[in-house]
Amino acid sequence: MINRLILFLIFFPFTLFADSYHNIQSFIGEKAAAMGGAFTAISDDPSGAYYNPAGISFAYNNYVSISANTYREIGKPTRMCLVEDRTIHESLKHFHQAFLAPLRSLENIQLL
């Protein structure tokens, strides 16, 4: 069974275009914008609730984060494989509302 799977993957390779459809198209939060999108692994300020909610447990200070509205329009041509000289033009428009979030650090709270 494994040999058949390996042969299938060798003789029928697939091309993946995942970067065109990634989830986060704009930056929410001042630290995420300053880091250029490499914020998912850290996410220790209030905007971490958007990127990686588990990261806000590592917040070491109290924060208030404020972001402005963003609007983004993405257009991408896609060539059809089965029909020659045919292209589909895809477009995506989305709007992120303003972001205002407080975060309180739990570092100094003692539990029993």
C-alpha atoms as a PDB file:
ATOM      1  CA  MET A   1       0.000   0.000   0.000  1.00  0.00           C
ATOM      2  CA  ILE A   2       2.823   2.387   0.884  1.00  0.00           C
ATOM      3  CA  ASN A   3       4.610   1.558  -2.380  1.00  0.00           C
ATOM      4  CA  ARG A   4       1.502   2.451  -4.376  1.00  0.00           C
ATOM      5  CA  LEU A   5       1.204   5.756  -2.545  1.00  0.00           C
ATOM      6  CA  ILE A   6       4.850   6.599  -3.185  1.00  0.00           C
ATOM      7  CA  LEU A   7       4.534   5.711  -6.871  1.00  0.00           C
ATOM      8  CA  PHE A   8       1.396   7.821  -7.145  1.00  0.00           C
ATOM      9  CA  LEU A   9       3.126  10.833  -5.596  1.00  0.00           C
ATOM     10  CA  ILE A  10       6.156  10.433  -7.865  1.00  0.00           C
ATOM     11  CA  PHE A  11       4.258  10.095 -11.135  1.00  0.00           C
ATOM     12  CA  PHE A  12       1.403  12.513 -10.377  1.00  0.00           C
ATOM     13  CA  PRO A  13       2.966  15.503  -8.640  1.00  0.00           C
ATOM     14  CA  PHE A  14       0.686  18.277  -7.479  1.00  0.00           C
ATOM     15  CA  THR A  15       1.480  21.954  -7.392  1.00  0.00           C
ATOM     16  CA  LEU A  16       0.288  23.830  -4.322  1.00  0.00           C
ATOM     17  CA  PHE A  17      -0.306  27.566  -4.346  1.00  0.00           C
ATOM     18  CA  ALA A  18      -1.093  28.201  -0.707  1.00  0.00           C
ATOM     19  CA  ASP A  19       0.506  31.639  -0.389  1.00  0.00           C
ATOM     20  CA  SER A  20      -2.200  33.332  -2.432  1.00  0.00           C
ATOM     21  CA  TYR A  21      -4.842  32.220   0.030  1.00  0.00           C
ATOM     22  CA  HIS A  22      -3.197  32.695   3.411  1.00  0.00           C
ATOM     23  CA  ASN A  23      -5.454  33.967   6.158  1.00  0.00           C
ATOM     24  CA  ILE A  24      -3.881  37.181   7.405  1.00  0.00           C
ATOM     25  CA  GLN A  25      -3.734  39.808   4.635  1.00  0.00           C
ATOM     26  CA  SER A  26      -3.212  42.887   6.809  1.00  0.00           C
ATOM     27  CA  PHE A  27      -1.587  43.607  10.143  1.00  0.00           C
ATOM     28  CA  ILE A  28      -3.672  44.122  13.263  1.00  0.00           C
ATOM     29  CA  GLY A  29      -1.765  45.570  16.196  1.00  0.00           C
ATOM     30  CA  GLU A  30       1.275  47.802  16.355  1.00  0.00           C
ATOM     31  CA  LYS A  31       3.787  45.099  17.286  1.00  0.00           C
ATOM     32  CA  ALA A  32       2.624  42.775  14.493  1.00  0.00           C
ATOM     33  CA  ALA A  33       2.949  45.577  11.943  1.00  0.00           C
ATOM     34  CA  ALA A  34       6.445  46.429  13.184  1.00  0.00           C
ATOM     35  CA  MET A  35       7.535  42.789  12.933  1.00  0.00           C
ATOM     36  CA  GLY A  36       6.254  42.494   9.372  1.00  0.00           C
ATOM     37  CA  GLY A  37       3.908  39.590   9.980  1.00  0.00           C
ATOM     38  CA  ALA A  38       6.350  37.403  11.935  1.00  0.00           C
ATOM     39  CA  PHE A  39       4.228  37.830  15.036  1.00  0.00           C
ATOM     40  CA  THR A  40       2.268  34.571  15.189  1.00  0.00           C
ATOM     41  CA  ALA A  41       4.879  32.757  17.269  1.00  0.00           C
ATOM     42  CA  ILE A  42       5.104  35.531  19.882  1.00  0.00           C
ATOM     43  CA  SER A  43       1.649  37.176  20.049  1.00  0.00           C
ATOM     44  CA  ASP A  44       2.072  38.460  23.607  1.00  0.00           C
ATOM     45  CA  ASP A  45       0.001  41.640  23.327  1.00  0.00           C
ATOM     46  CA  PRO A  46      -3.780  42.162  22.876  1.00  0.00           C
ATOM     47  CA  SER A  47      -3.667  41.659  19.112  1.00  0.00           C
ATOM     48  CA  GLY A  48      -2.433  38.144  19.843  1.00  0.00           C
ATOM     49  CA  ALA A  49      -6.085  37.159  20.219  1.00  0.00           C
ATOM     50  CA  TYR A  50      -6.306  37.556  16.426  1.00  0.00           C
ATOM     51  CA  TYR A  51      -3.040  35.799  15.512  1.00  0.00           C
ATOM     52  CA  ASN A  52      -2.487  33.135  18.178  1.00  0.00           C
ATOM     53  CA  PRO A  53      -4.732  33.264  21.276  1.00  0.00           C
ATOM     54  CA  ALA A  54      -2.425  30.965  23.264  1.00  0.00           C
ATOM     55  CA  GLY A  55       0.385  33.531  23.061  1.00  0.00           C
ATOM     56  CA  ILE A  56      -1.378  36.123  25.221  1.00  0.00           C
ATOM     57  CA  SER A  57      -0.745  33.924  28.265  1.00  0.00           C
ATOM     58  CA  PHE A  58       2.920  35.015  28.012  1.00  0.00           C
ATOM     59  CA  ALA A  59       2.148  38.736  28.354  1.00  0.00           C
ATOM     60  CA  TYR A  60       4.410  40.278  30.994  1.00  0.00           C
ATOM     61  CA  ASN A  61       2.983  43.830  31.061  1.00  0.00           C
ATOM     62  CA  ASN A  62      -0.403  45.493  30.978  1.00  0.00           C
ATOM     63  CA  TYR A  63      -1.268  46.717  27.475  1.00  0.00           C
ATOM     64  CA  VAL A  64      -3.811  48.752  25.585  1.00  0.00           C
ATOM     65  CA  SER A  65      -3.660  48.238  21.834  1.00  0.00           C
ATOM     66  CA  ILE A  66      -5.363  50.513  19.293  1.00  0.00           C
ATOM     67  CA  SER A  67      -5.371  50.026  15.517  1.00  0.00           C
ATOM     68  CA  ALA A  68      -7.064  51.922  12.706  1.00  0.00           C
ATOM     69  CA  ASN A  69      -9.386  50.499  10.059  1.00  0.00           C
ATOM     70  CA  THR A  70      -7.851  48.697   7.113  1.00  0.00           C
ATOM     71  CA  TYR A  71      -9.321  47.943   3.711  1.00  0.00           C
ATOM     72  CA  ARG A  72      -7.682  45.583   1.278  1.00  0.00           C
ATOM     73  CA  GLU A  73      -8.480  44.505  -2.253  1.00  0.00           C
ATOM     74  CA  ILE A  74      -6.618  41.579  -3.751  1.00  0.00           C
ATOM     75  CA  GLY A  75      -6.787  40.562  -7.403  1.00  0.00           C
ATOM     76  CA  LYS A  76      -5.239  37.452  -8.857  1.00  0.00           C
ATOM     77  CA  PRO A  77      -5.418  35.940 -12.359  1.00  0.00           C
ATOM     78  CA  THR A  78      -5.713  32.153 -12.500  1.00  0.00           C
ATOM     79  CA  ARG A  79      -5.011  30.245 -15.691  1.00  0.00           C
ATOM     80  CA  MET A  80      -7.387  27.362 -16.385  1.00  0.00           C
ATOM     81  CA  CYS A  81      -5.545  24.085 -16.954  1.00  0.00           C
ATOM     82  CA  LEU A  82      -8.028  22.252 -19.164  1.00  0.00           C
ATOM     83  CA  VAL A  83      -8.939  25.124 -21.463  1.00  0.00           C
ATOM     84  CA  GLU A  84      -6.203  26.867 -23.409  1.00  0.00           C
ATOM     85  CA  ASP A  85      -5.911  30.648 -23.299  1.00  0.00           C
ATOM     86  CA  ARG A  86      -8.575  31.057 -20.616  1.00  0.00           C
ATOM     87  CA  THR A  87      -7.928  33.043 -17.467  1.00  0.00           C
ATOM     88  CA  ILE A  88     -10.197  33.651 -14.505  1.00  0.00           C
ATOM     89  CA  HIS A  89      -9.692  36.900 -12.609  1.00  0.00           C
ATOM     90  CA  GLU A  90     -10.387  36.416  -8.915  1.00  0.00           C
ATOM     91  CA  SER A  91     -10.803  39.320  -6.529  1.00  0.00           C
ATOM     92  CA  LEU A  92     -11.236  39.552  -2.797  1.00  0.00           C
ATOM     93  CA  LYS A  93     -12.250  42.648  -0.856  1.00  0.00           C
ATOM     94  CA  HIS A  94     -12.221  42.755   2.897  1.00  0.00           C
ATOM     95  CA  PHE A  95     -12.455  45.335   5.626  1.00  0.00           C
ATOM     96  CA  HIS A  96     -11.044  45.056   9.139  1.00  0.00           C
ATOM     97  CA  GLN A  97     -12.692  47.219  11.727  1.00  0.00           C
ATOM     98  CA  ALA A  98     -10.774  49.252  14.254  1.00  0.00           C
ATOM     99  CA  PHE A  99      -9.127  47.197  16.973  1.00  0.00           C
ATOM    100  CA  LEU A 100      -9.123  48.316  20.605  1.00  0.00           C
ATOM    101  CA  ALA A 101      -8.193  45.796  23.268  1.00  0.00           C
ATOM    102  CA  PRO A 102      -6.865  45.919  26.822  1.00  0.00           C
ATOM    103  CA  LEU A 103      -4.752  43.129  28.292  1.00  0.00           C
ATOM    104  CA  ARG A 104      -3.926  42.672  31.951  1.00  0.00           C
ATOM    105  CA  SER A 105      -0.924  40.605  32.936  1.00  0.00           C
ATOM    106  CA  LEU A 106      -1.541  37.900  35.540  1.00  0.00           C
ATOM    107  CA  GLU A 107       2.115  37.668  36.535  1.00  0.00           C
ATOM    108  CA  ASN A 108       1.722  39.108  40.064  1.00  0.00           C
ATOM    109  CA  ILE A 109      -1.464  37.262  41.003  1.00  0.00           C
ATOM    110  CA  GLN A 110      -0.938  34.447  43.478  1.00  0.00           C
ATOM    111  CA  LEU A 111      -3.198  31.425  43.398  1.00  0.00           C
ATOM    112  CA  LEU A 112      -3.716  29.874  46.844  1.00  0.00           C
END
